[in-house]
Amino acid sequence: MMETNTPTSFEELLAENRLLRERISALETLNSDLVEQNKVLIDENKQKEEMLSFLPSELTKDLKIKEKPTSLRYQMVTVLFANVRGLVRLTDHNEAESIIDELDYLFFHFDSTVEKNNIEKIKSIGDTYMCAGGLPKKNRTNPIEVIIAALEMQNYIRELQERPDYQNKPKWTLTFGIHTGPVVAEVIGKRKRTYEIKGDTVNIASRIESISEAGHLVISQMTYEFVKDFFICEPRGKMPVKYKGDIALYWVKGYRPELSIDDKGLTPNKTFWTKFQMIKYDDLDEFILDKLEVELPKHLYYHNLKHTIDVVIGVEIIGTEEGVTEEELLLLKTAGLFHDSGQIYGSRGHEEKSCVIAREFLPQYGYSEQQIQIICDIIMATKLPPQPKNLLQQIICDADLDYLGRRDFIPVSQTLYQELKVQNLIGSENDWNKMQIKFLTVHQFFTQTARTMRQVNKEKQIERLMSLINE
């Protein structure tokens, strides 16, 4: 009779069961240890958070996360070196300490000048002052802004020397070196960010200052190309630069006569600032269009980026034909740029929201409160039904509804239909065509320019829509 293996199998099962229980017990112990360790880590992290809460937010951000690279590349920065001449001669003066105090006071005034003109102070060492335009925020106007600041510094020194209390004091003079080009900027500090800039642009600006004569503002050929339409510039000769050849230099004498309120070219007039704002507008245009492209809701098939661009182009065409001034054209283009920005936050009452956005950003681009109010009034004129009160408001109303008389009326109107359809604001396409006929029939272009360009074609669109309904 064969022997059975049952007892052996049973014993093996007991052994396996015992081993399994031991493993489960070990895992439970390990899990308990992990839970305890996790609790300790949570407590430690909580303590660190409480400690960090007492530090400035900018600093805690740097402590919590790995710092990003601090080196930034800029393609267009204008670097200024200014040297206060007279300090070396005065080191043997009995009141040397007070003279150093005067130099500090002078640099303090320079600090306020560069800040007012959207320029970043880099550093001041001894009798040398260094600043740069075009960082940390990139812009197209930095060559002009740096020249404005330099002229203000120069005028301040001149006025200082003419004061009665300075008649018996040693004379200060300034030399300048200015060049525009690419730089590498390194961010220094956590609480207060400062910048150290490097590259050929910095070296060339420093060399120009070193060969400049006292009382003269000397700029490079590159800077000259950006500012020649704003300032009187005279050739000063050339300067050899290693690997680059000779660089032409220019003296800046002051503001151009037609852009100055006096014959000496010391003070810019309103025409200057309007011309300057037109260049600054390009930076604003880029900023707002990027904002609209990212933030406008995707269901806006009509009130999208293309529509904003169409309106900006439209106000420029109609405004030019209607003979508006350069400043009025600037205000019109700015209003066109912002007029539908409120759609970011919803279609209902978007005109009022657009004005809020305009009031937030326009001061950063040099617009006065008076200009901003005019721009907001122009934006509000686009509210349906349009009721413009002056020529500028009439122009934007015509530009806003310019498509009514264009050849691409049908495809453009279809995008508006899709936009209303997705919001459940319109019924069938036949209902939409009837609504368009009614709107086109009562609509009128306000300016002679728009009537000449669009009225005939608008009437043809009514006939086309009538035929669609009949079919």
Foldseek 3Di string as FASTA:
>chain_A
DDDDCVVVVVVVVVVVVVVVVVVVVVVVVVVVVVVVVVVVVVVVVVVVVVVCVVPDPLVSVCVVDPDDAQKDKDFKKKKKKKFKPDLVVCCPPPPNVVVVVVLVVLVVVLVVLQVVLQKAWADDDDRMTMIMHQPPPGALLGLVSVVLSVLVSLVVLVVVCPDPVNVPPDHIWMFMFMEIGMWMWGWDDRPDTHIDIDDPRNVRSVVNRVPTDTSWYKYWPRSCVSCVVFFDKDWDQWDQDPPPGIITMITTQATDPVQAPDPSRSHGDPVSVLVSLVRLVVVVLVVLLVVQQPQQDPLQLQLGSVLLVQLLVQLLVQVVVVPDDSNLNVLLSLLSSQLQVLNSVNDVPSLVVSLVVCVVCVVVSPDDPVSSVVSSLLSVQCPPPHDDDDDSNLSSVCSSVLLLQDPCVVVSVVSVVSSCVVVVNDDDVLRVLVVSLVCLVPDDRDDPVSCVRGVVSNVVVSVVSVVVNVD
